[in-house]
Protein backbone atom coordinates (compact mmCIF):
# COMPACT_ATOMS: atom_id res chain seq x y z
CA MET A 1 -26.56 -92.97 -77.43
CA SER A 2 -30.03 -93.00 -76.55
CA GLN A 3 -31.23 -94.93 -73.70
CA PHE A 4 -34.48 -96.53 -75.06
CA MET A 5 -35.01 -97.76 -79.02
CA ARG A 6 -38.24 -98.11 -80.49
CA VAL A 7 -38.01 -100.57 -83.29
CA GLY A 8 -39.78 -102.14 -86.43
CA PHE A 9 -38.94 -104.56 -88.68
CA LEU A 10 -40.51 -105.03 -92.28
CA GLY A 11 -39.48 -108.34 -93.12
CA ALA A 12 -39.96 -111.77 -91.31
CA GLY A 13 -37.45 -114.24 -92.85
CA GLY A 14 -34.49 -115.83 -92.21
CA ILE A 15 -32.08 -112.63 -92.33
CA ALA A 16 -34.36 -111.27 -89.88
CA GLN A 17 -33.97 -113.58 -87.37
CA ALA A 18 -30.28 -112.47 -87.33
CA HIS A 19 -31.05 -109.35 -87.13
CA ALA A 20 -33.80 -109.98 -83.59
CA TYR A 21 -30.68 -112.00 -82.21
CA ALA A 22 -28.11 -108.94 -82.54
CA LEU A 23 -30.77 -106.89 -81.13
CA ASP A 24 -30.95 -108.91 -78.34
CA ALA A 25 -27.43 -109.46 -77.73
CA MET A 26 -26.33 -106.01 -77.84
CA LYS A 27 -26.51 -105.67 -74.26
CA PHE A 28 -24.22 -108.28 -73.47
CA TYR A 29 -21.48 -106.49 -75.06
CA TYR A 30 -22.13 -102.80 -74.48
CA ALA A 31 -22.99 -101.32 -71.46
CA ASP A 32 -24.30 -98.20 -73.04
CA ALA A 33 -26.35 -99.97 -75.66
CA PRO A 34 -29.81 -98.87 -75.57
CA GLN A 35 -32.94 -100.39 -74.20
CA ILE A 36 -34.67 -102.15 -77.40
CA GLU A 37 -38.31 -102.30 -77.37
CA LYS A 38 -39.57 -104.24 -80.27
CA VAL A 39 -42.75 -102.72 -81.30
CA VAL A 40 -43.72 -104.21 -84.33
CA VAL A 41 -43.11 -106.54 -87.19
CA ALA A 42 -44.56 -106.02 -90.68
CA SER A 43 -44.86 -109.13 -93.34
CA PRO A 44 -47.17 -110.09 -95.97
CA THR A 45 -48.17 -113.43 -94.81
CA SER A 46 -49.91 -113.44 -91.62
CA LEU A 47 -48.96 -116.63 -90.28
CA SER A 48 -45.23 -115.82 -90.78
CA ARG A 49 -45.54 -112.35 -88.86
CA GLU A 50 -47.64 -113.83 -86.29
CA SER A 51 -45.31 -116.60 -85.45
CA PHE A 52 -42.36 -114.37 -85.83
CA ALA A 53 -43.45 -111.47 -83.40
CA GLN A 54 -44.29 -114.37 -80.59
CA ARG A 55 -41.01 -116.13 -81.27
CA PHE A 56 -38.63 -113.30 -81.19
CA GLY A 57 -40.81 -110.83 -78.87
CA PHE A 58 -42.50 -107.85 -80.88
CA SER A 59 -45.33 -106.59 -79.60
CA GLU A 60 -47.30 -106.61 -82.80
CA ALA A 61 -47.65 -107.91 -86.33
CA ILE A 62 -49.00 -106.22 -88.96
CA PRO A 63 -49.42 -106.35 -92.92
CA PRO A 64 -46.50 -104.05 -94.57
CA ASP A 65 -48.94 -101.37 -96.01
CA LYS A 66 -49.87 -100.77 -92.40
CA ILE A 67 -46.28 -99.53 -91.16
CA TRP A 68 -45.94 -95.99 -93.13
CA GLN A 69 -48.64 -94.29 -90.70
CA ARG A 70 -47.03 -95.40 -87.47
CA ASP A 71 -45.48 -92.70 -84.94
CA ASP A 72 -43.96 -94.85 -82.56
CA LEU A 73 -40.70 -95.95 -83.98
CA ASP A 74 -37.41 -94.65 -83.89
CA ALA A 75 -35.80 -97.04 -86.31
CA LEU A 76 -36.98 -99.14 -89.04
CA TYR A 77 -35.35 -102.37 -90.46
CA LEU A 78 -36.04 -103.03 -94.26
CA LEU A 79 -35.48 -106.83 -94.47
CA GLY A 80 -37.75 -108.10 -97.26
CA PRO A 81 -36.79 -109.18 -100.56
CA ASN A 82 -34.54 -107.42 -102.78
CA ASP A 83 -36.73 -105.85 -105.00
CA THR A 84 -38.93 -103.99 -102.02
CA HIS A 85 -35.73 -102.52 -100.65
CA THR A 86 -35.59 -99.37 -102.55
CA PRO A 87 -39.44 -98.69 -102.48
CA GLN A 88 -39.69 -99.18 -98.98
CA LEU A 89 -36.77 -96.88 -98.37
CA LEU A 90 -38.50 -94.26 -100.12
CA ALA A 91 -41.50 -94.66 -98.44
CA ALA A 92 -39.66 -94.54 -94.75
CA VAL A 93 -37.65 -91.22 -95.46
CA GLN A 94 -41.38 -89.74 -95.29
CA MET A 95 -42.28 -91.16 -92.02
CA PRO A 96 -41.48 -87.86 -89.64
CA HIS A 97 -40.90 -89.57 -86.24
CA LEU A 98 -38.50 -92.08 -87.50
CA LYS A 99 -34.64 -91.24 -86.98
CA ARG A 100 -32.78 -94.40 -88.35
CA ILE A 101 -33.31 -96.63 -91.13
CA PHE A 102 -31.67 -99.79 -91.69
CA VAL A 103 -31.70 -101.69 -95.55
CA GLU A 104 -30.39 -104.87 -95.91
CA LYS A 105 -28.24 -105.60 -99.21
CA PRO A 106 -28.52 -105.03 -101.99
CA LEU A 107 -30.04 -101.57 -102.40
CA GLY A 108 -32.18 -102.02 -105.30
CA VAL A 109 -32.84 -104.25 -108.71
CA SER A 110 -32.55 -101.62 -111.19
CA TYR A 111 -31.30 -98.31 -112.77
CA GLN A 112 -34.43 -96.98 -112.40
CA ASP A 113 -34.12 -97.85 -108.09
CA LEU A 114 -30.84 -95.96 -108.60
CA ASP A 115 -32.72 -92.74 -110.19
CA ALA A 116 -35.23 -92.65 -107.52
CA LEU A 117 -32.53 -92.59 -104.94
CA ASP A 118 -30.49 -89.92 -106.70
CA GLY A 119 -32.62 -87.06 -104.84
CA ILE A 120 -32.45 -88.41 -101.24
CA THR A 121 -30.05 -86.57 -99.32
CA GLN A 122 -29.64 -86.66 -95.33
CA ASP A 123 -30.42 -82.79 -95.62
CA ASP A 124 -33.79 -83.42 -96.85
CA HIS A 125 -34.92 -86.01 -94.29
CA GLY A 126 -32.52 -86.27 -91.55
CA LYS A 127 -32.26 -89.60 -90.96
CA PHE A 128 -29.09 -91.95 -90.49
CA ILE A 129 -29.38 -94.53 -92.68
CA VAL A 130 -27.10 -97.82 -93.22
CA MET A 131 -26.77 -100.51 -95.38
CA GLY A 132 -26.54 -104.03 -94.14
CA PHE A 133 -22.80 -104.75 -95.08
CA GLN A 134 -21.94 -106.33 -91.64
CA TYR A 135 -18.39 -107.89 -93.13
CA LEU A 136 -17.08 -104.37 -92.40
CA GLN A 137 -17.45 -104.51 -88.88
CA LYS A 138 -15.63 -107.93 -88.60
CA SER A 139 -13.00 -107.16 -86.18
CA ALA A 140 -9.97 -108.39 -88.44
CA ILE A 141 -11.60 -106.51 -91.36
CA ARG A 142 -11.64 -103.34 -88.96
CA ALA A 143 -8.11 -103.69 -88.26
CA ALA A 144 -6.80 -104.09 -91.84
CA LEU A 145 -9.03 -101.80 -93.33
CA ASN A 146 -7.32 -99.04 -91.05
CA HIS A 147 -3.89 -100.71 -91.75
CA TRP A 148 -4.23 -100.10 -95.90
CA LYS A 149 -5.74 -96.77 -95.46
CA SER A 150 -2.34 -95.73 -93.34
CA GLY A 151 -0.72 -95.78 -96.81
CA VAL A 152 2.29 -97.94 -95.91
CA PHE A 153 1.04 -100.78 -98.77
CA GLY A 154 1.42 -97.71 -101.67
CA GLU A 155 -0.77 -97.88 -104.22
CA PRO A 156 -2.82 -100.93 -105.42
CA VAL A 157 -1.68 -102.62 -108.30
CA HIS A 158 -4.25 -105.87 -108.55
CA PHE A 159 -6.73 -107.44 -106.43
CA ARG A 160 -8.84 -110.31 -105.57
CA ALA A 161 -12.39 -110.82 -104.21
CA GLU A 162 -14.01 -113.92 -104.08
CA TYR A 163 -17.10 -114.97 -101.76
CA LEU A 164 -17.77 -118.47 -102.18
CA HIS A 165 -20.64 -120.98 -101.04
CA SER A 166 -21.36 -124.32 -102.16
CA SER A 167 -25.20 -124.87 -101.05
CA TYR A 168 -26.98 -124.69 -104.69
CA LEU A 169 -25.11 -127.78 -105.73
CA ASP A 170 -27.72 -129.61 -103.65
CA SER A 171 -30.88 -130.10 -105.64
CA ALA A 172 -33.24 -130.32 -102.39
CA TYR A 173 -31.46 -126.96 -101.92
CA ARG A 174 -32.49 -125.36 -105.26
CA LEU A 175 -35.85 -126.53 -105.20
CA LYS A 176 -36.59 -125.13 -101.81
CA HIS A 177 -34.88 -121.47 -102.53
CA LYS A 178 -36.39 -121.57 -105.82
CA ASP A 179 -37.47 -117.94 -105.80
CA ARG A 180 -33.79 -116.99 -105.53
CA LEU A 181 -33.05 -118.39 -108.96
CA GLN A 182 -33.59 -114.97 -110.57
CA PRO A 183 -31.01 -113.18 -112.89
CA ALA A 184 -28.81 -110.45 -111.53
CA PRO A 185 -29.55 -107.80 -110.09
CA ILE A 186 -32.82 -109.26 -109.04
CA ASN A 187 -31.05 -112.03 -107.48
CA GLY A 188 -28.13 -114.58 -107.80
CA ALA A 189 -24.85 -114.83 -106.62
CA ALA A 190 -23.44 -111.60 -107.56
CA ALA A 191 -26.40 -109.75 -105.81
CA ASP A 192 -26.43 -111.82 -102.69
CA LEU A 193 -22.64 -112.64 -102.31
CA GLY A 194 -21.09 -110.31 -104.42
CA SER A 195 -22.73 -107.12 -102.92
CA HIS A 196 -20.45 -108.02 -99.76
CA SER A 197 -17.03 -108.30 -101.71
CA LEU A 198 -17.85 -104.81 -103.72
CA SER A 199 -18.90 -103.23 -100.49
CA LEU A 200 -15.38 -104.09 -99.49
CA LEU A 201 -13.63 -103.33 -102.30
CA VAL A 202 -15.03 -99.77 -102.43
CA ALA A 203 -14.24 -99.48 -98.38
CA PHE A 204 -10.56 -100.36 -99.32
CA LEU A 205 -9.92 -98.90 -103.00
CA GLY A 206 -12.27 -95.83 -102.88
CA GLU A 207 -15.44 -95.19 -104.99
CA ASN A 208 -13.98 -94.75 -108.34
CA LEU A 209 -14.22 -98.32 -109.57
CA ALA A 210 -15.83 -99.74 -112.32
CA ILE A 211 -16.68 -103.52 -114.18
CA ARG A 212 -14.61 -103.86 -117.26
CA THR A 213 -16.44 -107.16 -117.82
CA ALA A 214 -18.08 -109.81 -116.41
CA ALA A 215 -19.35 -113.58 -117.39
CA ALA A 216 -21.73 -116.29 -115.89
CA SER A 217 -20.44 -120.19 -115.46
CA GLY A 218 -22.29 -123.28 -114.03
CA GLY A 219 -25.70 -124.53 -114.80
CA PHE A 220 -28.31 -127.34 -113.84
CA GLU A 221 -31.12 -128.64 -115.83
CA ASP A 222 -33.72 -127.92 -112.88
CA VAL A 223 -32.23 -124.04 -112.79
CA PRO A 224 -33.85 -121.29 -115.35
CA GLN A 225 -30.67 -120.34 -118.04
CA ALA A 226 -30.28 -116.57 -116.73
CA SER A 227 -30.18 -117.53 -113.19
CA ASP A 228 -26.77 -116.35 -111.76
CA LEU A 229 -25.17 -119.53 -109.91
CA CYS A 230 -21.66 -118.19 -110.24
CA THR A 231 -20.05 -115.10 -111.90
CA THR A 232 -16.51 -113.82 -112.09
CA ALA A 233 -16.02 -110.14 -112.87
CA LEU A 234 -13.25 -107.71 -114.26
CA ILE A 235 -12.66 -104.65 -112.00
CA GLU A 236 -10.32 -101.44 -112.56
CA ASP A 237 -9.57 -99.12 -109.92
CA LEU A 238 -9.88 -95.96 -112.02
CA GLY A 239 -7.71 -93.52 -110.04
CA SER A 240 -4.74 -96.21 -109.41
CA GLY A 241 -5.05 -98.12 -112.77
CA ALA A 242 -5.13 -101.38 -110.50
CA ILE A 243 -6.97 -104.14 -111.93
CA GLY A 244 -8.83 -107.03 -109.76
CA THR A 245 -11.20 -109.79 -110.29
CA LEU A 246 -14.47 -110.57 -108.34
CA VAL A 247 -16.01 -113.98 -108.01
CA SER A 248 -19.36 -114.89 -106.36
CA SER A 249 -20.17 -118.60 -106.46
CA ARG A 250 -23.23 -120.38 -104.98
CA ILE A 251 -21.77 -123.67 -106.23
CA SER A 252 -18.38 -123.92 -105.27
CA ALA A 253 -17.77 -127.51 -103.95
CA GLY A 254 -15.81 -127.79 -100.66
CA THR A 255 -16.38 -124.31 -99.49
CA GLY A 256 -19.38 -123.61 -97.21
CA ASP A 257 -19.19 -120.14 -96.58
CA HIS A 258 -15.57 -118.72 -97.59
CA PHE A 259 -14.77 -115.31 -98.13
CA THR A 260 -11.12 -114.30 -99.58
CA LEU A 261 -9.52 -110.51 -100.02
CA GLU A 262 -6.27 -109.87 -101.28
CA ILE A 263 -4.89 -106.56 -102.47
CA TYR A 264 -0.99 -105.95 -103.58
CA GLY A 265 0.09 -102.74 -103.53
CA THR A 266 3.47 -101.24 -104.75
CA GLU A 267 5.05 -101.27 -101.26
CA GLY A 268 3.29 -104.39 -99.91
CA THR A 269 0.43 -106.61 -99.44
CA LEU A 270 -2.56 -107.39 -97.34
CA ARG A 271 -4.34 -110.75 -97.06
CA PHE A 272 -7.47 -111.70 -95.20
CA ASN A 273 -9.63 -115.26 -95.72
CA THR A 274 -12.26 -116.78 -93.42
CA SER A 275 -10.46 -119.46 -92.56
CA HIS A 276 -8.32 -117.31 -90.23
CA PRO A 277 -11.48 -114.94 -89.71
CA ASP A 278 -10.26 -113.18 -86.72
CA SER A 279 -6.51 -112.46 -88.02
CA TYR A 280 -4.98 -110.71 -91.52
CA LEU A 281 -1.84 -111.12 -93.23
CA SER A 282 0.27 -108.35 -94.04
CA TYR A 283 3.86 -108.03 -96.15
CA LEU A 284 5.90 -105.03 -95.86
CA PRO A 285 9.40 -104.80 -96.94
CA LEU A 286 11.31 -104.51 -93.68
CA GLU A 287 8.66 -106.79 -91.59
CA GLY A 288 8.06 -109.36 -94.13
CA TRP A 289 5.26 -111.49 -93.79
CA ARG A 290 3.56 -110.83 -90.38
CA GLN A 291 0.01 -112.36 -89.06
CA HIS A 292 -2.36 -109.74 -87.06
CA ASP A 293 -3.99 -111.74 -84.32
CA VAL A 294 -7.25 -109.22 -83.74
CA ASN A 295 -9.88 -111.52 -82.22
CA SER A 296 -12.65 -109.39 -80.82
CA ASP A 297 -10.94 -106.00 -80.79
CA TYR A 298 -14.06 -103.78 -80.87
CA GLN A 299 -14.59 -100.39 -79.60
CA PRO A 300 -15.58 -99.95 -76.96
CA HIS A 301 -13.79 -103.04 -75.13
CA SER A 302 -16.02 -105.99 -74.76
CA LYS A 303 -15.44 -108.15 -71.82
CA PHE A 304 -18.30 -110.74 -72.80
CA PRO A 305 -16.47 -113.57 -73.11
CA SER A 306 -13.44 -111.49 -73.54
CA ASP A 307 -11.49 -109.33 -76.41
CA TYR A 308 -9.18 -112.31 -77.23
CA MET A 309 -12.03 -114.76 -78.22
CA PRO A 310 -13.09 -115.47 -81.71
CA SER A 311 -15.28 -112.85 -82.86
CA GLY A 312 -17.52 -115.22 -85.57
CA TRP A 313 -20.14 -113.68 -87.86
CA LEU A 314 -22.81 -112.61 -85.58
CA ARG A 315 -20.27 -110.66 -83.48
CA ALA A 316 -20.01 -108.36 -86.46
CA LEU A 317 -23.52 -108.27 -86.82
CA VAL A 318 -24.23 -107.22 -83.27
CA HIS A 319 -21.51 -104.42 -83.59
CA HIS A 320 -23.27 -103.26 -86.98
CA HIS A 321 -26.14 -102.69 -84.70
CA TYR A 322 -24.67 -101.03 -82.06
CA LEU A 323 -23.38 -98.41 -84.53
CA PHE A 324 -26.94 -98.10 -86.54
CA LEU A 325 -28.28 -97.47 -83.38
CA GLY A 326 -26.03 -94.73 -81.72
CA GLY A 327 -22.87 -96.27 -80.97
CA ASP A 328 -19.53 -94.47 -80.87
CA THR A 329 -18.45 -94.91 -84.58
CA THR A 330 -15.13 -93.59 -83.91
CA GLY A 331 -12.55 -96.02 -86.07
CA SER A 332 -15.28 -97.55 -87.97
CA PHE A 333 -16.53 -97.51 -91.45
CA ILE A 334 -20.31 -96.80 -91.93
CA PRO A 335 -22.14 -97.91 -95.15
CA ASP A 336 -24.32 -95.34 -95.47
CA LEU A 337 -26.76 -94.53 -98.45
CA THR A 338 -24.10 -92.95 -100.56
CA HIS A 339 -22.12 -96.27 -100.02
CA GLY A 340 -24.97 -98.46 -100.97
CA MET A 341 -25.55 -96.50 -104.30
CA VAL A 342 -21.65 -97.32 -105.39
CA VAL A 343 -22.07 -100.96 -104.72
CA GLN A 344 -25.50 -100.64 -106.68
CA LYS A 345 -24.05 -99.30 -109.67
CA LEU A 346 -21.22 -101.86 -109.72
CA LEU A 347 -24.00 -104.69 -109.46
CA MET A 348 -25.90 -103.24 -112.11
CA GLN A 349 -22.73 -103.02 -114.46
CA ILE A 350 -21.92 -106.32 -113.92
CA ALA A 351 -25.63 -107.40 -114.28
CA SER A 352 -25.33 -105.28 -117.89
CA HIS A 353 -22.31 -107.11 -118.83
CA LEU A 354 -24.06 -110.54 -117.68
CA HIS A 355 -26.99 -110.09 -120.12
CA SER A 356 -25.28 -108.64 -123.07
CA ASN A 357 -23.21 -112.16 -123.17
């Protein structure tokens, strides 16, 4: 891993704060973490970018259009609104000195975005591109994925992925986040939450998935009719014939932030949910049901605070940054540009079904 990394942010919102935290925290967990120089943050709003730079230690704050001429960045994080991700990625791959690009999910908002990205390959630009699917780096998910990939569960038969929030039940919250009340795939539950679920399903089951149908439910008088508050989709694994469901909801009372993944195979079953975020369950005929307590079992081993402590949401994000900035990727699933495009195609299929209903 490089001992020094010059970093730029394009975006200064809430998710950018989480990424700034992860960069600062990385040195506590990994002895070989690079020294981070936070060079520049870019955002359309002067006050927002200036306050972000001062608060989180960036040397400079600039408008977005000024970042493309920079020759002093090794890594660039694309953290703005969903509709900026593809055009900014297309611009970033043209920056000759840039080595690494981090793209927040989702990758785009249209089939035109996918068409524009089709021609991008690493052979053309030589850059390491990673998508912001940090759920793949949760310790229990990493262990469960490797367990599933061992083949002991057989072929998938059916599966279920649910990512549930409750925040948009609150009218004050809806008013504060009116900009997110847009139809899929521009924003909404499927793009925001469902993209994580789709990413995990692609990692576990492979890229040969297809959306058979999808429908939306839930609504309020103060929410535009086409807004995606809750989406349910039926998914087929074209390779095995397995059928599964995806539920992405911003209006599920009592959930807070809850994710569930279940895969039932011909030889056994695997389950994970965030009620027990540091473990997963497996069933095999000769073992019965087993709980696998994983905790913070990351590689390389972290002694801060210890590898048996609960890992948490931010811990997975820290490891995601470690991998992005050159850490040892052995045993890790890396959500690269190809992975992001597979997820985006599935999101577009969901959106097409929603708009046709």
